[in-house]
Amino acid sequence: MRLETSRLVLRRWRADDVAVMAAINADPEVMRWIGDGSVSTIERTAAGVAACERHWEEHGFGLFAVEVRDTGELAGFTGLATPEFLPEIMPAVEIG
């Protein structure tokens, strides 16, 4: 699935996204707003991207990689996910 706006492209993940997403996840300023604020490693990022793809395969929806349309630069992610890390609210779908 691919969605396009005048500025952004929302698309499925590619293998070459891992290194760029790992750099984003290693930035303390970015990560201070996510989870417990700890930075991530390339290995954890690769596992996260793989989990995103598995989610798409299992549920038919998931998190998109967000690309800047004019430059092709990976900017982050958005989409729908099941917050299995919060079993007390399941079943649920998280938008983010």
PDB file of N, CA and C in Angstrom:
ATOM      1  N   MET A   1       0.846  -1.170   0.000  1.00  0.00           N
ATOM      2  CA  MET A   1       0.000   0.000   0.000  1.00  0.00           C
ATOM      3  C   MET A   1       0.892   1.233   0.000  1.00  0.00           C
ATOM      4  N   ARG A   2       0.457   2.245  -0.703  1.00  0.00           N
ATOM      5  CA  ARG A   2       1.205   3.494  -0.809  1.00  0.00           C
ATOM      6  C   ARG A   2       0.191   4.636  -0.846  1.00  0.00           C
ATOM      7  N   LEU A   3       0.404   5.638  -0.010  1.00  0.00           N
ATOM      8  CA  LEU A   3      -0.441   6.833   0.010  1.00  0.00           C
ATOM      9  C   LEU A   3       0.445   8.037  -0.250  1.00  0.00           C
ATOM     10  N   GLU A   4      -0.040   8.981  -1.048  1.00  0.00           N
ATOM     11  CA  GLU A   4       0.748  10.166  -1.361  1.00  0.00           C
ATOM     12  C   GLU A   4      -0.058  11.428  -1.101  1.00  0.00           C
ATOM     13  N   THR A   5       0.630  12.427  -0.547  1.00  0.00           N
ATOM     14  CA  THR A   5       0.075  13.771  -0.413  1.00  0.00           C
ATOM     15  C   THR A   5       0.976  14.694  -1.226  1.00  0.00           C
ATOM     16  N   SER A   6       0.696  15.977  -1.191  1.00  0.00           N
ATOM     17  CA  SER A   6       1.541  16.913  -1.934  1.00  0.00           C
ATOM     18  C   SER A   6       2.956  16.973  -1.376  1.00  0.00           C
ATOM     19  N   ARG A   7       3.142  16.605  -0.101  1.00  0.00           N
ATOM     20  CA  ARG A   7       4.468  16.697   0.519  1.00  0.00           C
ATOM     21  C   ARG A   7       5.059  15.367   0.960  1.00  0.00           C
ATOM     22  N   LEU A   8       4.228  14.369   1.201  1.00  0.00           N
ATOM     23  CA  LEU A   8       4.715  13.127   1.802  1.00  0.00           C
ATOM     24  C   LEU A   8       4.286  11.895   1.022  1.00  0.00           C
ATOM     25  N   VAL A   9       5.052  10.829   1.194  1.00  0.00           N
ATOM     26  CA  VAL A   9       4.698   9.508   0.687  1.00  0.00           C
ATOM     27  C   VAL A   9       4.683   8.569   1.886  1.00  0.00           C
ATOM     28  N   LEU A  10       3.577   7.872   2.085  1.00  0.00           N
ATOM     29  CA  LEU A  10       3.470   6.843   3.118  1.00  0.00           C
ATOM     30  C   LEU A  10       3.537   5.513   2.394  1.00  0.00           C
ATOM     31  N   ARG A  11       4.523   4.696   2.758  1.00  0.00           N
ATOM     32  CA  ARG A  11       4.773   3.466   2.023  1.00  0.00           C
ATOM     33  C   ARG A  11       5.211   2.362   2.969  1.00  0.00           C
ATOM     34  N   ARG A  12       5.248   1.147   2.440  1.00  0.00           N
ATOM     35  CA  ARG A  12       5.759   0.013   3.204  1.00  0.00           C
ATOM     36  C   ARG A  12       7.263   0.177   3.381  1.00  0.00           C
ATOM     37  N   TRP A  13       7.790  -0.512   4.365  1.00  0.00           N
ATOM     38  CA  TRP A  13       9.209  -0.429   4.707  1.00  0.00           C
ATOM     39  C   TRP A  13      10.080  -1.167   3.697  1.00  0.00           C
ATOM     40  N   ARG A  14      11.303  -0.638   3.501  1.00  0.00           N
ATOM     41  CA  ARG A  14      12.324  -1.278   2.667  1.00  0.00           C
ATOM     42  C   ARG A  14      13.553  -1.551   3.530  1.00  0.00           C
ATOM     43  N   ALA A  15      14.390  -2.477   3.093  1.00  0.00           N
ATOM     44  CA  ALA A  15      15.601  -2.831   3.850  1.00  0.00           C
ATOM     45  C   ALA A  15      16.511  -1.622   4.050  1.00  0.00           C
ATOM     46  N   ASP A  16      16.579  -0.734   3.062  1.00  0.00           N
ATOM     47  CA  ASP A  16      17.473   0.424   3.192  1.00  0.00           C
ATOM     48  C   ASP A  16      16.938   1.493   4.144  1.00  0.00           C
ATOM     49  N   ASP A  17      15.739   1.319   4.658  1.00  0.00           N
ATOM     50  CA  ASP A  17      15.202   2.254   5.657  1.00  0.00           C
ATOM     51  C   ASP A  17      15.816   2.037   7.037  1.00  0.00           C
ATOM     52  N   VAL A  18      16.339   0.850   7.295  1.00  0.00           N
ATOM     53  CA  VAL A  18      16.802   0.512   8.644  1.00  0.00           C
ATOM     54  C   VAL A  18      17.906   1.453   9.111  1.00  0.00           C
ATOM     55  N   ALA A  19      18.911   1.710   8.290  1.00  0.00           N
ATOM     56  CA  ALA A  19      20.032   2.561   8.713  1.00  0.00           C
ATOM     57  C   ALA A  19      19.570   3.985   9.015  1.00  0.00           C
ATOM     58  N   VAL A  20      18.695   4.522   8.177  1.00  0.00           N
ATOM     59  CA  VAL A  20      18.203   5.890   8.398  1.00  0.00           C
ATOM     60  C   VAL A  20      17.328   5.942   9.642  1.00  0.00           C
ATOM     61  N   MET A  21      16.437   4.962   9.793  1.00  0.00           N
ATOM     62  CA  MET A  21      15.573   4.938  10.974  1.00  0.00           C
ATOM     63  C   MET A  21      16.397   4.726  12.234  1.00  0.00           C
ATOM     64  N   ALA A  22      17.474   3.944  12.144  1.00  0.00           N
ATOM     65  CA  ALA A  22      18.353   3.735  13.301  1.00  0.00           C
ATOM     66  C   ALA A  22      19.010   5.044  13.721  1.00  0.00           C
ATOM     67  N   ALA A  23      19.394   5.869  12.759  1.00  0.00           N
ATOM     68  CA  ALA A  23      19.974   7.178  13.090  1.00  0.00           C
ATOM     69  C   ALA A  23      18.944   8.062  13.788  1.00  0.00           C
ATOM     70  N   ILE A  24      17.711   8.023  13.324  1.00  0.00           N
ATOM     71  CA  ILE A  24      16.638   8.780  13.980  1.00  0.00           C
ATOM     72  C   ILE A  24      16.441   8.263  15.403  1.00  0.00           C
ATOM     73  N   ASN A  25      16.390   6.944  15.553  1.00  0.00           N
ATOM     74  CA  ASN A  25      16.168   6.328  16.866  1.00  0.00           C
ATOM     75  C   ASN A  25      17.344   6.505  17.820  1.00  0.00           C
ATOM     76  N   ALA A  26      18.506   6.841  17.296  1.00  0.00           N
ATOM     77  CA  ALA A  26      19.691   7.054  18.140  1.00  0.00           C
ATOM     78  C   ALA A  26      19.834   8.506  18.584  1.00  0.00           C
ATOM     79  N   ASP A  27      18.940   9.375  18.123  1.00  0.00           N
ATOM     80  CA  ASP A  27      19.002  10.801  18.463  1.00  0.00           C
ATOM     81  C   ASP A  27      18.265  11.038  19.787  1.00  0.00           C
ATOM     82  N   PRO A  28      18.988  11.434  20.839  1.00  0.00           N
ATOM     83  CA  PRO A  28      18.338  11.641  22.140  1.00  0.00           C
ATOM     84  C   PRO A  28      17.219  12.688  22.100  1.00  0.00           C
ATOM     85  N   GLU A  29      17.362  13.691  21.253  1.00  0.00           N
ATOM     86  CA  GLU A  29      16.329  14.733  21.171  1.00  0.00           C
ATOM     87  C   GLU A  29      15.028  14.172  20.593  1.00  0.00           C
ATOM     88  N   VAL A  30      15.136  13.283  19.642  1.00  0.00           N
ATOM     89  CA  VAL A  30      13.950  12.628  19.082  1.00  0.00           C
ATOM     90  C   VAL A  30      13.347  11.677  20.109  1.00  0.00           C
ATOM     91  N   MET A  31      14.188  10.844  20.697  1.00  0.00           N
ATOM     92  CA  MET A  31      13.707   9.768  21.558  1.00  0.00           C
ATOM     93  C   MET A  31      13.184  10.250  22.906  1.00  0.00           C
ATOM     94  N   ARG A  32      13.496  11.462  23.278  1.00  0.00           N
ATOM     95  CA  ARG A  32      12.979  11.941  24.568  1.00  0.00           C
ATOM     96  C   ARG A  32      11.452  11.992  24.585  1.00  0.00           C
ATOM     97  N   TRP A  33      10.830  11.993  23.421  1.00  0.00           N
ATOM     98  CA  TRP A  33       9.375  12.060  23.312  1.00  0.00           C
ATOM     99  C   TRP A  33       8.742  10.695  23.071  1.00  0.00           C
ATOM    100  N   ILE A  34       9.563   9.654  22.996  1.00  0.00           N
ATOM    101  CA  ILE A  34       9.061   8.325  22.644  1.00  0.00           C
ATOM    102  C   ILE A  34       9.393   7.340  23.758  1.00  0.00           C
ATOM    103  N   GLY A  35       8.374   6.625  24.223  1.00  0.00           N
ATOM    104  CA  GLY A  35       8.590   5.606  25.251  1.00  0.00           C
ATOM    105  C   GLY A  35       9.235   6.171  26.498  1.00  0.00           C
ATOM    106  N   ASP A  36      10.280   5.485  26.955  1.00  0.00           N
ATOM    107  CA  ASP A  36      10.972   5.935  28.170  1.00  0.00           C
ATOM    108  C   ASP A  36      12.099   6.910  27.863  1.00  0.00           C
ATOM    109  N   GLY A  37      12.248   7.285  26.601  1.00  0.00           N
ATOM    110  CA  GLY A  37      13.255   8.265  26.217  1.00  0.00           C
ATOM    111  C   GLY A  37      14.616   7.690  25.884  1.00  0.00           C
ATOM    112  N   SER A  38      14.778   6.381  26.022  1.00  0.00           N
ATOM    113  CA  SER A  38      16.094   5.805  25.736  1.00  0.00           C
ATOM    114  C   SER A  38      16.297   5.662  24.230  1.00  0.00           C
ATOM    115  N   VAL A  39      17.546   5.857  23.797  1.00  0.00           N
ATOM    116  CA  VAL A  39      17.873   5.720  22.379  1.00  0.00           C
ATOM    117  C   VAL A  39      17.942   4.240  22.020  1.00  0.00           C
ATOM    118  N   SER A  40      17.876   3.962  20.732  1.00  0.00           N
ATOM    119  CA  SER A  40      17.842   2.586  20.263  1.00  0.00           C
ATOM    120  C   SER A  40      19.095   2.259  19.455  1.00  0.00           C
ATOM    121  N   THR A  41      19.280   0.980  19.198  1.00  0.00           N
ATOM    122  CA  THR A  41      20.404   0.492  18.400  1.00  0.00           C
ATOM    123  C   THR A  41      19.919   0.116  17.007  1.00  0.00           C
ATOM    124  N   ILE A  42      20.854  -0.101  16.107  1.00  0.00           N
ATOM    125  CA  ILE A  42      20.476  -0.536  14.764  1.00  0.00           C
ATOM    126  C   ILE A  42      19.821  -1.914  14.807  1.00  0.00           C
ATOM    127  N   GLU A  43      20.253  -2.772  15.719  1.00  0.00           N
ATOM    128  CA  GLU A  43      19.653  -4.105  15.836  1.00  0.00           C
ATOM    129  C   GLU A  43      18.195  -4.022  16.286  1.00  0.00           C
ATOM    130  N   ARG A  44      17.928  -3.181  17.270  1.00  0.00           N
ATOM    131  CA  ARG A  44      16.538  -3.016  17.731  1.00  0.00           C
ATOM    132  C   ARG A  44      15.682  -2.363  16.655  1.00  0.00           C
ATOM    133  N   THR A  45      16.276  -1.414  15.921  1.00  0.00           N
ATOM    134  CA  THR A  45      15.539  -0.773  14.836  1.00  0.00           C
ATOM    135  C   THR A  45      15.207  -1.785  13.747  1.00  0.00           C
ATOM    136  N   ALA A  46      16.167  -2.620  13.375  1.00  0.00           N
ATOM    137  CA  ALA A  46      15.923  -3.653  12.357  1.00  0.00           C
ATOM    138  C   ALA A  46      14.814  -4.595  12.808  1.00  0.00           C
ATOM    139  N   ALA A  47      14.830  -4.973  14.074  1.00  0.00           N
ATOM    140  CA  ALA A  47      13.773  -5.837  14.611  1.00  0.00           C
ATOM    141  C   ALA A  47      12.427  -5.123  14.565  1.00  0.00           C
ATOM    142  N   GLY A  48      12.410  -3.827  14.848  1.00  0.00           N
ATOM    143  CA  GLY A  48      11.172  -3.053  14.800  1.00  0.00           C
ATOM    144  C   GLY A  48      10.609  -2.942  13.395  1.00  0.00           C
ATOM    145  N   VAL A  49      11.479  -2.709  12.416  1.00  0.00           N
ATOM    146  CA  VAL A  49      11.034  -2.640  11.021  1.00  0.00           C
ATOM    147  C   VAL A  49      10.488  -3.999  10.586  1.00  0.00           C
ATOM    148  N   ALA A  50      11.161  -5.073  10.963  1.00  0.00           N
ATOM    149  CA  ALA A  50      10.672  -6.419  10.636  1.00  0.00           C
ATOM    150  C   ALA A  50       9.313  -6.671  11.288  1.00  0.00           C
ATOM    151  N   ALA A  51       9.144  -6.209  12.518  1.00  0.00           N
ATOM    152  CA  ALA A  51       7.858  -6.361  13.212  1.00  0.00           C
ATOM    153  C   ALA A  51       6.762  -5.574  12.499  1.00  0.00           C
ATOM    154  N   CYS A  52       7.100  -4.400  11.976  1.00  0.00           N
ATOM    155  CA  CYS A  52       6.119  -3.607  11.214  1.00  0.00           C
ATOM    156  C   CYS A  52       5.641  -4.385   9.998  1.00  0.00           C
ATOM    157  N   GLU A  53       6.561  -5.009   9.297  1.00  0.00           N
ATOM    158  CA  GLU A  53       6.187  -5.780   8.115  1.00  0.00           C
ATOM    159  C   GLU A  53       5.362  -7.016   8.484  1.00  0.00           C
ATOM    160  N   ARG A  54       5.723  -7.687   9.571  1.00  0.00           N
ATOM    161  CA  ARG A  54       4.921  -8.836  10.033  1.00  0.00           C
ATOM    162  C   ARG A  54       3.502  -8.396  10.378  1.00  0.00           C
ATOM    163  N   HIS A  55       3.388  -7.214  11.017  1.00  0.00           N
ATOM    164  CA  HIS A  55       2.067  -6.695  11.381  1.00  0.00           C
ATOM    165  C   HIS A  55       1.216  -6.501  10.132  1.00  0.00           C
ATOM    166  N   TRP A  56       1.803  -5.922   9.078  1.00  0.00           N
ATOM    167  CA  TRP A  56       1.075  -5.758   7.820  1.00  0.00           C
ATOM    168  C   TRP A  56       0.590  -7.114   7.301  1.00  0.00           C
ATOM    169  N   GLU A  57       1.477  -8.104   7.313  1.00  0.00           N
ATOM    170  CA  GLU A  57       1.127  -9.427   6.791  1.00  0.00           C
ATOM    171  C   GLU A  57       0.031 -10.091   7.622  1.00  0.00           C
ATOM    172  N   GLU A  58       0.085  -9.946   8.933  1.00  0.00           N
ATOM    173  CA  GLU A  58      -0.870 -10.604   9.826  1.00  0.00           C
ATOM    174  C   GLU A  58      -2.214  -9.898   9.910  1.00  0.00           C
ATOM    175  N   HIS A  59      -2.213  -8.557   9.836  1.00  0.00           N
ATOM    176  CA  HIS A  59      -3.433  -7.789  10.097  1.00  0.00           C
ATOM    177  C   HIS A  59      -3.971  -7.013   8.892  1.00  0.00           C
ATOM    178  N   GLY A  60      -3.156  -6.851   7.851  1.00  0.00           N
ATOM    179  CA  GLY A  60      -3.606  -6.095   6.685  1.00  0.00           C
ATOM    180  C   GLY A  60      -3.525  -4.591   6.860  1.00  0.00           C
ATOM    181  N   PHE A  61      -2.930  -4.138   7.939  1.00  0.00           N
ATOM    182  CA  PHE A  61      -2.680  -2.716   8.180  1.00  0.00           C
ATOM    183  C   PHE A  61      -1.445  -2.616   9.054  1.00  0.00           C
ATOM    184  N   GLY A  62      -0.922  -1.398   9.185  1.00  0.00           N
ATOM    185  CA  GLY A  62       0.271  -1.248  10.017  1.00  0.00           C
ATOM    186  C   GLY A  62       0.881   0.129   9.939  1.00  0.00           C
ATOM    187  N   LEU A  63       2.146   0.190  10.296  1.00  0.00           N
ATOM    188  CA  LEU A  63       2.884   1.447  10.291  1.00  0.00           C
ATOM    189  C   LEU A  63       3.568   1.641   8.942  1.00  0.00           C
ATOM    190  N   PHE A  64       3.404   2.839   8.403  1.00  0.00           N
ATOM    191  CA  PHE A  64       4.042   3.230   7.152  1.00  0.00           C
ATOM    192  C   PHE A  64       5.378   3.904   7.435  1.00  0.00           C
ATOM    193  N   ALA A  65       6.324   3.744   6.525  1.00  0.00           N
ATOM    194  CA  ALA A  65       7.497   4.610   6.491  1.00  0.00           C
ATOM    195  C   ALA A  65       7.028   5.916   5.850  1.00  0.00           C
ATOM    196  N   VAL A  66       7.434   7.061   6.415  1.00  0.00           N
ATOM    197  CA  VAL A  66       7.047   8.368   5.881  1.00  0.00           C
ATOM    198  C   VAL A  66       8.259   8.967   5.178  1.00  0.00           C
ATOM    199  N   GLU A  67       8.075   9.285   3.908  1.00  0.00           N
ATOM    200  CA  GLU A  67       9.140   9.802   3.067  1.00  0.00           C
ATOM    201  C   GLU A  67       8.770  11.208   2.603  1.00  0.00           C
ATOM    202  N   VAL A  68       9.735  12.114   2.580  1.00  0.00           N
ATOM    203  CA  VAL A  68       9.520  13.454   2.031  1.00  0.00           C
ATOM    204  C   VAL A  68       9.460  13.302   0.509  1.00  0.00           C
ATOM    205  N   ARG A  69       8.362  13.700  -0.067  1.00  0.00           N
ATOM    206  CA  ARG A  69       8.125  13.451  -1.493  1.00  0.00           C
ATOM    207  C   ARG A  69       9.193  14.065  -2.388  1.00  0.00           C
ATOM    208  N   ASP A  70       9.567  15.314  -2.137  1.00  0.00           N
ATOM    209  CA  ASP A  70      10.508  16.009  -3.022  1.00  0.00           C
ATOM    210  C   ASP A  70      11.921  15.457  -2.962  1.00  0.00           C
ATOM    211  N   THR A  71      12.323  14.925  -1.808  1.00  0.00           N
ATOM    212  CA  THR A  71      13.714  14.492  -1.635  1.00  0.00           C
ATOM    213  C   THR A  71      13.880  12.981  -1.516  1.00  0.00           C
ATOM    214  N   GLY A  72      12.810  12.265  -1.199  1.00  0.00           N
ATOM    215  CA  GLY A  72      12.910  10.833  -0.959  1.00  0.00           C
ATOM    216  C   GLY A  72      13.477  10.491   0.405  1.00  0.00           C
ATOM    217  N   GLU A  73      13.717  11.502   1.245  1.00  0.00           N
ATOM    218  CA  GLU A  73      14.301  11.288   2.572  1.00  0.00           C
ATOM    219  C   GLU A  73      13.284  10.655   3.516  1.00  0.00           C
ATOM    220  N   LEU A  74      13.733   9.643   4.264  1.00  0.00           N
ATOM    221  CA  LEU A  74      12.886   9.030   5.280  1.00  0.00           C
ATOM    222  C   LEU A  74      12.756   9.998   6.449  1.00  0.00           C
ATOM    223  N   ALA A  75      11.520  10.302   6.834  1.00  0.00           N
ATOM    224  CA  ALA A  75      11.276  11.273   7.900  1.00  0.00           C
ATOM    225  C   ALA A  75      10.790  10.623   9.192  1.00  0.00           C
ATOM    226  N   GLY A  76      10.341   9.377   9.131  1.00  0.00           N
ATOM    227  CA  GLY A  76       9.814   8.725  10.326  1.00  0.00           C
ATOM    228  C   GLY A  76       8.764   7.707   9.947  1.00  0.00           C
ATOM    229  N   PHE A  77       7.748   7.572  10.796  1.00  0.00           N
ATOM    230  CA  PHE A  77       6.697   6.592  10.543  1.00  0.00           C
ATOM    231  C   PHE A  77       5.383   7.075  11.129  1.00  0.00           C
ATOM    232  N   THR A  78       4.307   6.503  10.620  1.00  0.00           N
ATOM    233  CA  THR A  78       2.963   6.766  11.123  1.00  0.00           C
ATOM    234  C   THR A  78       2.065   5.619  10.681  1.00  0.00           C
ATOM    235  N   GLY A  79       0.910   5.533  11.279  1.00  0.00           N
ATOM    236  CA  GLY A  79      -0.034   4.519  10.843  1.00  0.00           C
ATOM    237  C   GLY A  79      -0.834   3.932  11.982  1.00  0.00           C
ATOM    238  N   LEU A  80      -1.227   2.691  11.804  1.00  0.00           N
ATOM    239  CA  LEU A  80      -2.062   1.978  12.767  1.00  0.00           C
ATOM    240  C   LEU A  80      -1.305   0.766  13.284  1.00  0.00           C
ATOM    241  N   ALA A  81      -1.423   0.518  14.572  1.00  0.00           N
ATOM    242  CA  ALA A  81      -0.753  -0.631  15.179  1.00  0.00           C
ATOM    243  C   ALA A  81      -1.606  -1.182  16.311  1.00  0.00           C
ATOM    244  N   THR A  82      -1.384  -2.428  16.636  1.00  0.00           N
ATOM    245  CA  THR A  82      -2.038  -3.009  17.807  1.00  0.00           C
ATOM    246  C   THR A  82      -1.067  -2.902  18.979  1.00  0.00           C
ATOM    247  N   PRO A  83      -1.444  -2.179  20.034  1.00  0.00           N
ATOM    248  CA  PRO A  83      -0.535  -1.952  21.166  1.00  0.00           C
ATOM    249  C   PRO A  83      -0.487  -3.148  22.114  1.00  0.00           C
ATOM    250  N   GLU A  84       0.115  -4.228  21.651  1.00  0.00           N
ATOM    251  CA  GLU A  84       0.165  -5.461  22.443  1.00  0.00           C
ATOM    252  C   GLU A  84       0.981  -5.300  23.715  1.00  0.00           C
ATOM    253  N   PHE A  85       1.775  -4.235  23.790  1.00  0.00           N
ATOM    254  CA  PHE A  85       2.542  -3.952  25.007  1.00  0.00           C
ATOM    255  C   PHE A  85       1.643  -3.408  26.119  1.00  0.00           C
ATOM    256  N   LEU A  86       0.371  -3.170  25.809  1.00  0.00           N
ATOM    257  CA  LEU A  86      -0.627  -2.729  26.798  1.00  0.00           C
ATOM    258  C   LEU A  86      -1.777  -3.739  26.816  1.00  0.00           C
ATOM    259  N   PRO A  87      -1.556  -4.937  27.327  1.00  0.00           N
ATOM    260  CA  PRO A  87      -2.595  -5.975  27.253  1.00  0.00           C
ATOM    261  C   PRO A  87      -3.900  -5.587  27.937  1.00  0.00           C
ATOM    262  N   GLU A  88      -3.829  -4.684  28.896  1.00  0.00           N
ATOM    263  CA  GLU A  88      -5.045  -4.298  29.616  1.00  0.00           C
ATOM    264  C   GLU A  88      -6.051  -3.545  28.746  1.00  0.00           C
ATOM    265  N   ILE A  89      -5.623  -3.005  27.600  1.00  0.00           N
ATOM    266  CA  ILE A  89      -6.562  -2.286  26.733  1.00  0.00           C
ATOM    267  C   ILE A  89      -6.917  -3.071  25.475  1.00  0.00           C
ATOM    268  N   MET A  90      -6.337  -4.244  25.325  1.00  0.00           N
ATOM    269  CA  MET A  90      -6.579  -5.034  24.116  1.00  0.00           C
ATOM    270  C   MET A  90      -7.978  -5.636  24.151  1.00  0.00           C
ATOM    271  N   PRO A  91      -8.660  -5.812  23.030  1.00  0.00           N
ATOM    272  CA  PRO A  91      -8.197  -5.495  21.692  1.00  0.00           C
ATOM    273  C   PRO A  91      -8.318  -3.999  21.419  1.00  0.00           C
ATOM    274  N   ALA A  92      -7.342  -3.467  20.716  1.00  0.00           N
ATOM    275  CA  ALA A  92      -7.323  -2.038  20.409  1.00  0.00           C
ATOM    276  C   ALA A  92      -6.440  -1.793  19.196  1.00  0.00           C
ATOM    277  N   VAL A  93      -6.642  -0.644  18.571  1.00  0.00           N
ATOM    278  CA  VAL A  93      -5.772  -0.183  17.495  1.00  0.00           C
ATOM    279  C   VAL A  93      -5.306   1.205  17.874  1.00  0.00           C
ATOM    280  N   GLU A  94      -3.997   1.413  17.787  1.00  0.00           N
ATOM    281  CA  GLU A  94      -3.375   2.693  18.125  1.00  0.00           C
ATOM    282  C   GLU A  94      -3.111   3.461  16.834  1.00  0.00           C
ATOM    283  N   ILE A  95      -3.415   4.758  16.847  1.00  0.00           N
ATOM    284  CA  ILE A  95      -3.114   5.637  15.720  1.00  0.00           C
ATOM    285  C   ILE A  95      -1.904   6.466  16.110  1.00  0.00           C
ATOM    286  N   GLY A  96      -0.888   6.462  15.269  1.00  0.00           N
ATOM    287  CA  GLY A  96       0.291   7.250  15.641  1.00  0.00           C
ATOM    288  C   GLY A  96       1.368   7.254  14.621  1.00  0.00           C
TER     289      GLY A  96
END
